[in-house]
Amino acid sequence: MKVITDYEFSFKDERGILRQLISSQHGFKQINWATSKKGVSRGGHFHKIVTETFYLIKGRVKVHIKNMKTHEEQNKVFEIGDIFIIEPYDKHTVEALEDSEWVAFFNEQINNGDIYKE
């Protein structure tokens, strides 16, 4: 899992903030929006091809990652405005610590052929 902590462009003045969240030379093939109630978990799967980029719009989530090749595990809490990237073979589970909302950007169209539980 990669965590994005430095933005390519960010501007703040009395009107508010303008921030470039993501730039991609290849574009995204699918964008999903999701909501989860506090205490709910989603995911518990990995992809062999797809890379997912998440942007948290509302709430707080705990993300558990287990790389299915190296068996390394990570846990991280994300809050509003955070961006993180789930790489192929990262089994990911997202637990909503509060009512939460996010957008997921996919580099390929997701299909049931690239969703694996173990």
N, C-alpha and C. Protein backbone atom coordinates (compact mmCIF):
# COMPACT_ATOMS: atom_id res chain seq x y z
N MET A 1 0.85 -1.17 0.00
CA MET A 1 0.00 0.00 0.00
C MET A 1 0.89 1.23 0.00
N LYS A 2 0.54 2.18 -0.85
CA LYS A 2 1.23 3.46 -0.89
C LYS A 2 0.31 4.53 -0.30
N VAL A 3 0.87 5.41 0.49
CA VAL A 3 0.12 6.53 1.05
C VAL A 3 0.62 7.80 0.38
N ILE A 4 -0.31 8.60 -0.14
CA ILE A 4 0.05 9.85 -0.79
C ILE A 4 0.03 10.95 0.27
N THR A 5 1.19 11.55 0.54
CA THR A 5 1.26 12.60 1.56
C THR A 5 1.71 13.93 0.99
N ASP A 6 2.19 13.94 -0.24
CA ASP A 6 2.67 15.16 -0.86
C ASP A 6 1.90 15.36 -2.16
N TYR A 7 1.29 16.51 -2.31
CA TYR A 7 0.49 16.80 -3.50
C TYR A 7 1.33 17.56 -4.52
N GLU A 8 1.09 17.29 -5.80
CA GLU A 8 1.83 17.98 -6.85
C GLU A 8 1.50 19.47 -6.89
N PHE A 9 0.26 19.80 -6.50
CA PHE A 9 -0.17 21.19 -6.50
C PHE A 9 -1.14 21.40 -5.35
N SER A 10 -0.92 22.46 -4.59
CA SER A 10 -1.84 22.82 -3.51
C SER A 10 -1.80 24.33 -3.35
N PHE A 11 -2.98 24.95 -3.27
CA PHE A 11 -3.08 26.39 -3.12
C PHE A 11 -4.15 26.69 -2.08
N LYS A 12 -3.84 27.62 -1.16
CA LYS A 12 -4.79 27.98 -0.12
C LYS A 12 -4.83 29.49 0.01
N ASP A 13 -6.03 30.05 0.05
CA ASP A 13 -6.21 31.46 0.34
C ASP A 13 -7.51 31.63 1.11
N GLU A 14 -7.99 32.86 1.23
CA GLU A 14 -9.19 33.13 2.04
C GLU A 14 -10.44 32.46 1.49
N ARG A 15 -10.43 32.04 0.22
CA ARG A 15 -11.59 31.38 -0.38
C ARG A 15 -11.67 29.91 -0.02
N GLY A 16 -10.50 29.32 0.30
CA GLY A 16 -10.46 27.88 0.59
C GLY A 16 -9.21 27.25 0.03
N ILE A 17 -9.31 25.97 -0.32
CA ILE A 17 -8.16 25.20 -0.77
C ILE A 17 -8.45 24.58 -2.13
N LEU A 18 -7.46 24.60 -3.01
CA LEU A 18 -7.49 23.89 -4.28
C LEU A 18 -6.29 22.96 -4.27
N ARG A 19 -6.54 21.67 -4.46
CA ARG A 19 -5.46 20.69 -4.38
C ARG A 19 -5.59 19.69 -5.51
N GLN A 20 -4.50 19.46 -6.23
CA GLN A 20 -4.48 18.39 -7.23
C GLN A 20 -4.31 17.08 -6.49
N LEU A 21 -5.30 16.23 -6.58
CA LEU A 21 -5.27 14.97 -5.83
C LEU A 21 -4.49 13.91 -6.57
N ILE A 22 -4.79 13.73 -7.85
CA ILE A 22 -4.19 12.64 -8.61
C ILE A 22 -3.97 13.11 -10.04
N SER A 23 -2.83 12.77 -10.60
CA SER A 23 -2.64 12.95 -12.04
C SER A 23 -2.19 11.61 -12.60
N SER A 24 -2.66 11.29 -13.78
CA SER A 24 -2.34 10.00 -14.37
C SER A 24 -2.17 10.16 -15.87
N GLN A 25 -1.10 9.63 -16.39
CA GLN A 25 -0.88 9.67 -17.83
C GLN A 25 -1.76 8.66 -18.55
N HIS A 26 -2.20 7.66 -17.84
CA HIS A 26 -2.96 6.59 -18.48
C HIS A 26 -4.46 6.72 -18.25
N GLY A 27 -4.87 7.51 -17.29
CA GLY A 27 -6.29 7.66 -17.01
C GLY A 27 -6.84 6.50 -16.21
N PHE A 28 -8.04 6.66 -15.74
CA PHE A 28 -8.71 5.62 -14.98
C PHE A 28 -9.81 5.02 -15.85
N LYS A 29 -10.01 3.73 -15.71
CA LYS A 29 -11.01 3.03 -16.52
C LYS A 29 -12.33 2.86 -15.78
N GLN A 30 -12.30 3.06 -14.44
CA GLN A 30 -13.51 2.91 -13.64
C GLN A 30 -13.35 3.75 -12.38
N ILE A 31 -14.45 4.39 -11.96
CA ILE A 31 -14.47 5.17 -10.72
C ILE A 31 -15.71 4.75 -9.95
N ASN A 32 -15.52 4.34 -8.69
CA ASN A 32 -16.63 3.92 -7.83
C ASN A 32 -16.75 4.86 -6.64
N TRP A 33 -17.96 5.05 -6.17
CA TRP A 33 -18.25 5.81 -4.95
C TRP A 33 -18.87 4.84 -3.96
N ALA A 34 -18.44 4.91 -2.71
CA ALA A 34 -18.97 3.98 -1.70
C ALA A 34 -19.21 4.70 -0.39
N THR A 35 -20.19 4.20 0.35
CA THR A 35 -20.42 4.65 1.72
C THR A 35 -20.43 3.41 2.61
N SER A 36 -20.02 3.60 3.85
CA SER A 36 -20.06 2.50 4.82
C SER A 36 -20.45 3.06 6.18
N LYS A 37 -21.31 2.34 6.86
CA LYS A 37 -21.70 2.71 8.22
C LYS A 37 -20.60 2.32 9.20
N LYS A 38 -20.52 3.02 10.30
CA LYS A 38 -19.55 2.72 11.35
C LYS A 38 -19.60 1.24 11.72
N GLY A 39 -18.43 0.61 11.79
CA GLY A 39 -18.34 -0.80 12.18
C GLY A 39 -18.39 -1.79 11.03
N VAL A 40 -18.73 -1.32 9.84
CA VAL A 40 -18.84 -2.20 8.67
C VAL A 40 -17.46 -2.40 8.04
N SER A 41 -17.20 -3.61 7.56
CA SER A 41 -15.97 -3.91 6.81
C SER A 41 -16.31 -4.25 5.37
N ARG A 42 -15.46 -3.80 4.46
CA ARG A 42 -15.62 -4.10 3.04
C ARG A 42 -14.29 -4.64 2.52
N GLY A 43 -14.35 -5.35 1.43
CA GLY A 43 -13.13 -5.84 0.79
C GLY A 43 -12.85 -7.27 1.19
N GLY A 44 -11.68 -7.49 1.80
CA GLY A 44 -11.27 -8.85 2.14
C GLY A 44 -10.86 -9.64 0.90
N HIS A 45 -10.37 -8.92 -0.11
CA HIS A 45 -9.97 -9.57 -1.36
C HIS A 45 -8.74 -8.86 -1.92
N PHE A 46 -8.19 -9.43 -2.99
CA PHE A 46 -7.08 -8.80 -3.70
C PHE A 46 -7.28 -8.97 -5.19
N HIS A 47 -6.49 -8.21 -5.93
CA HIS A 47 -6.52 -8.27 -7.39
C HIS A 47 -5.12 -8.62 -7.88
N LYS A 48 -5.04 -9.33 -8.98
CA LYS A 48 -3.75 -9.64 -9.58
C LYS A 48 -3.34 -8.60 -10.62
N ILE A 49 -4.31 -7.86 -11.14
CA ILE A 49 -4.05 -6.90 -12.21
C ILE A 49 -4.34 -5.47 -11.78
N VAL A 50 -5.46 -5.25 -11.16
CA VAL A 50 -5.98 -3.91 -10.88
C VAL A 50 -5.24 -3.22 -9.74
N THR A 51 -4.97 -1.93 -9.93
CA THR A 51 -4.50 -1.03 -8.88
C THR A 51 -5.65 -0.09 -8.55
N GLU A 52 -5.94 0.09 -7.25
CA GLU A 52 -7.02 0.96 -6.81
C GLU A 52 -6.43 2.15 -6.05
N THR A 53 -6.94 3.34 -6.35
CA THR A 53 -6.57 4.54 -5.63
C THR A 53 -7.81 5.04 -4.90
N PHE A 54 -7.71 5.19 -3.58
CA PHE A 54 -8.83 5.60 -2.75
C PHE A 54 -8.65 7.05 -2.29
N TYR A 55 -9.74 7.81 -2.30
CA TYR A 55 -9.77 9.16 -1.75
C TYR A 55 -10.91 9.22 -0.74
N LEU A 56 -10.59 9.47 0.52
CA LEU A 56 -11.59 9.48 1.59
C LEU A 56 -12.26 10.85 1.67
N ILE A 57 -13.57 10.85 1.45
CA ILE A 57 -14.35 12.08 1.42
C ILE A 57 -14.91 12.42 2.80
N LYS A 58 -15.28 11.38 3.56
CA LYS A 58 -15.95 11.59 4.85
C LYS A 58 -15.57 10.46 5.79
N GLY A 59 -15.42 10.77 7.08
CA GLY A 59 -15.23 9.75 8.10
C GLY A 59 -13.79 9.35 8.34
N ARG A 60 -13.64 8.18 8.95
CA ARG A 60 -12.33 7.58 9.24
C ARG A 60 -12.44 6.10 8.96
N VAL A 61 -11.40 5.54 8.36
CA VAL A 61 -11.38 4.10 8.07
C VAL A 61 -10.04 3.52 8.50
N LYS A 62 -10.07 2.25 8.87
CA LYS A 62 -8.84 1.50 9.14
C LYS A 62 -8.68 0.51 7.99
N VAL A 63 -7.50 0.54 7.36
CA VAL A 63 -7.24 -0.35 6.23
C VAL A 63 -6.21 -1.39 6.67
N HIS A 64 -6.58 -2.66 6.47
CA HIS A 64 -5.66 -3.75 6.74
C HIS A 64 -5.22 -4.33 5.40
N ILE A 65 -3.90 -4.43 5.22
CA ILE A 65 -3.32 -4.96 3.99
C ILE A 65 -2.50 -6.19 4.32
N LYS A 66 -2.65 -7.22 3.49
CA LYS A 66 -1.75 -8.37 3.55
C LYS A 66 -1.32 -8.65 2.11
N ASN A 67 -0.03 -8.49 1.85
CA ASN A 67 0.47 -8.79 0.52
C ASN A 67 0.51 -10.30 0.35
N MET A 68 -0.17 -10.79 -0.66
CA MET A 68 -0.32 -12.23 -0.84
C MET A 68 0.94 -12.90 -1.38
N LYS A 69 1.91 -12.14 -1.84
CA LYS A 69 3.19 -12.70 -2.29
C LYS A 69 4.21 -12.73 -1.16
N THR A 70 4.33 -11.61 -0.42
CA THR A 70 5.36 -11.49 0.62
C THR A 70 4.84 -11.83 2.02
N HIS A 71 3.52 -11.82 2.16
CA HIS A 71 2.82 -12.03 3.44
C HIS A 71 3.06 -10.91 4.44
N GLU A 72 3.64 -9.78 4.00
CA GLU A 72 3.78 -8.61 4.86
C GLU A 72 2.40 -8.03 5.12
N GLU A 73 2.20 -7.53 6.35
CA GLU A 73 0.92 -6.95 6.73
C GLU A 73 1.12 -5.52 7.20
N GLN A 74 0.10 -4.69 6.93
CA GLN A 74 0.09 -3.29 7.35
C GLN A 74 -1.31 -2.94 7.84
N ASN A 75 -1.38 -2.05 8.81
CA ASN A 75 -2.64 -1.46 9.25
C ASN A 75 -2.43 0.04 9.31
N LYS A 76 -3.38 0.79 8.79
CA LYS A 76 -3.26 2.25 8.82
C LYS A 76 -4.65 2.85 8.89
N VAL A 77 -4.76 3.94 9.66
CA VAL A 77 -6.02 4.68 9.76
C VAL A 77 -5.94 5.89 8.83
N PHE A 78 -7.01 6.11 8.07
CA PHE A 78 -7.09 7.24 7.16
C PHE A 78 -8.27 8.13 7.54
N GLU A 79 -8.11 9.43 7.27
CA GLU A 79 -9.13 10.42 7.60
C GLU A 79 -9.50 11.21 6.35
N ILE A 80 -10.45 12.10 6.50
CA ILE A 80 -10.93 12.92 5.39
C ILE A 80 -9.74 13.55 4.63
N GLY A 81 -9.77 13.41 3.31
CA GLY A 81 -8.75 14.00 2.46
C GLY A 81 -7.56 13.12 2.19
N ASP A 82 -7.46 11.98 2.88
CA ASP A 82 -6.34 11.08 2.66
C ASP A 82 -6.50 10.29 1.36
N ILE A 83 -5.36 9.99 0.74
CA ILE A 83 -5.32 9.19 -0.48
C ILE A 83 -4.38 8.02 -0.26
N PHE A 84 -4.81 6.83 -0.67
CA PHE A 84 -3.92 5.67 -0.59
C PHE A 84 -4.16 4.77 -1.79
N ILE A 85 -3.11 4.02 -2.13
CA ILE A 85 -3.13 3.19 -3.33
C ILE A 85 -2.96 1.73 -2.93
N ILE A 86 -3.85 0.88 -3.42
CA ILE A 86 -3.80 -0.55 -3.20
C ILE A 86 -3.22 -1.18 -4.47
N GLU A 87 -2.06 -1.81 -4.32
CA GLU A 87 -1.36 -2.43 -5.44
C GLU A 87 -1.86 -3.86 -5.68
N PRO A 88 -1.61 -4.40 -6.88
CA PRO A 88 -1.94 -5.82 -7.11
C PRO A 88 -1.31 -6.70 -6.03
N TYR A 89 -2.04 -7.72 -5.65
CA TYR A 89 -1.67 -8.72 -4.64
C TYR A 89 -1.75 -8.20 -3.20
N ASP A 90 -2.22 -6.95 -3.00
CA ASP A 90 -2.47 -6.46 -1.65
C ASP A 90 -3.91 -6.80 -1.28
N LYS A 91 -4.06 -7.82 -0.43
CA LYS A 91 -5.40 -8.15 0.07
C LYS A 91 -5.81 -7.03 1.00
N HIS A 92 -6.95 -6.41 0.74
CA HIS A 92 -7.34 -5.22 1.49
C HIS A 92 -8.73 -5.36 2.10
N THR A 93 -8.79 -4.91 3.35
CA THR A 93 -10.05 -4.83 4.08
C THR A 93 -10.15 -3.43 4.65
N VAL A 94 -11.27 -2.77 4.38
CA VAL A 94 -11.51 -1.40 4.84
C VAL A 94 -12.59 -1.47 5.91
N GLU A 95 -12.26 -1.04 7.13
CA GLU A 95 -13.21 -1.00 8.24
C GLU A 95 -13.56 0.45 8.54
N ALA A 96 -14.85 0.76 8.52
CA ALA A 96 -15.30 2.12 8.81
C ALA A 96 -15.29 2.35 10.33
N LEU A 97 -14.44 3.25 10.78
CA LEU A 97 -14.38 3.61 12.20
C LEU A 97 -15.46 4.63 12.55
N GLU A 98 -15.96 5.30 11.52
CA GLU A 98 -17.09 6.23 11.59
C GLU A 98 -17.89 6.01 10.31
N ASP A 99 -19.10 6.57 10.23
CA ASP A 99 -19.79 6.58 8.94
C ASP A 99 -18.84 7.24 7.95
N SER A 100 -18.58 6.57 6.81
CA SER A 100 -17.53 7.01 5.90
C SER A 100 -17.99 6.98 4.45
N GLU A 101 -17.26 7.72 3.64
CA GLU A 101 -17.57 7.82 2.21
C GLU A 101 -16.26 8.00 1.47
N TRP A 102 -16.09 7.31 0.34
CA TRP A 102 -14.86 7.43 -0.45
C TRP A 102 -15.14 7.19 -1.92
N VAL A 103 -14.15 7.59 -2.71
CA VAL A 103 -14.16 7.32 -4.15
C VAL A 103 -12.95 6.43 -4.43
N ALA A 104 -13.17 5.39 -5.25
CA ALA A 104 -12.09 4.48 -5.64
C ALA A 104 -11.90 4.59 -7.15
N PHE A 105 -10.66 4.82 -7.55
CA PHE A 105 -10.28 4.96 -8.96
C PHE A 105 -9.52 3.70 -9.37
N PHE A 106 -9.91 3.09 -10.47
CA PHE A 106 -9.30 1.84 -10.92
C PHE A 106 -8.56 2.07 -12.23
N ASN A 107 -7.36 1.49 -12.34
CA ASN A 107 -6.59 1.63 -13.58
C ASN A 107 -7.14 0.73 -14.69
N GLU A 108 -7.94 -0.25 -14.33
CA GLU A 108 -8.61 -1.14 -15.29
C GLU A 108 -10.05 -1.33 -14.84
N GLN A 109 -10.92 -1.72 -15.76
CA GLN A 109 -12.27 -2.07 -15.34
C GLN A 109 -12.19 -3.32 -14.50
N ILE A 110 -12.84 -3.26 -13.36
CA ILE A 110 -12.83 -4.41 -12.45
C ILE A 110 -13.86 -5.41 -12.95
N ASN A 111 -13.52 -6.66 -12.80
CA ASN A 111 -14.51 -7.70 -13.13
C ASN A 111 -14.30 -8.85 -12.16
N ASN A 112 -15.24 -9.73 -12.10
CA ASN A 112 -15.17 -10.83 -11.14
C ASN A 112 -14.00 -11.75 -11.40
N GLY A 113 -13.39 -11.67 -12.57
CA GLY A 113 -12.24 -12.50 -12.89
C GLY A 113 -10.95 -12.03 -12.21
N ASP A 114 -10.96 -10.82 -11.62
CA ASP A 114 -9.76 -10.31 -10.95
C ASP A 114 -10.06 -9.98 -9.48
N ILE A 115 -10.91 -10.76 -8.86
CA ILE A 115 -11.19 -10.62 -7.43
C ILE A 115 -10.92 -11.98 -6.79
N TYR A 116 -9.96 -11.99 -5.86
CA TYR A 116 -9.54 -13.23 -5.20
C TYR A 116 -9.63 -13.06 -3.69
N LYS A 117 -10.14 -14.08 -3.02
CA LYS A 117 -10.24 -14.06 -1.56
C LYS A 117 -8.96 -14.59 -0.92
N GLU A 118 -8.37 -15.59 -1.45
CA GLU A 118 -7.12 -16.17 -0.91
C GLU A 118 -6.24 -16.62 -2.05
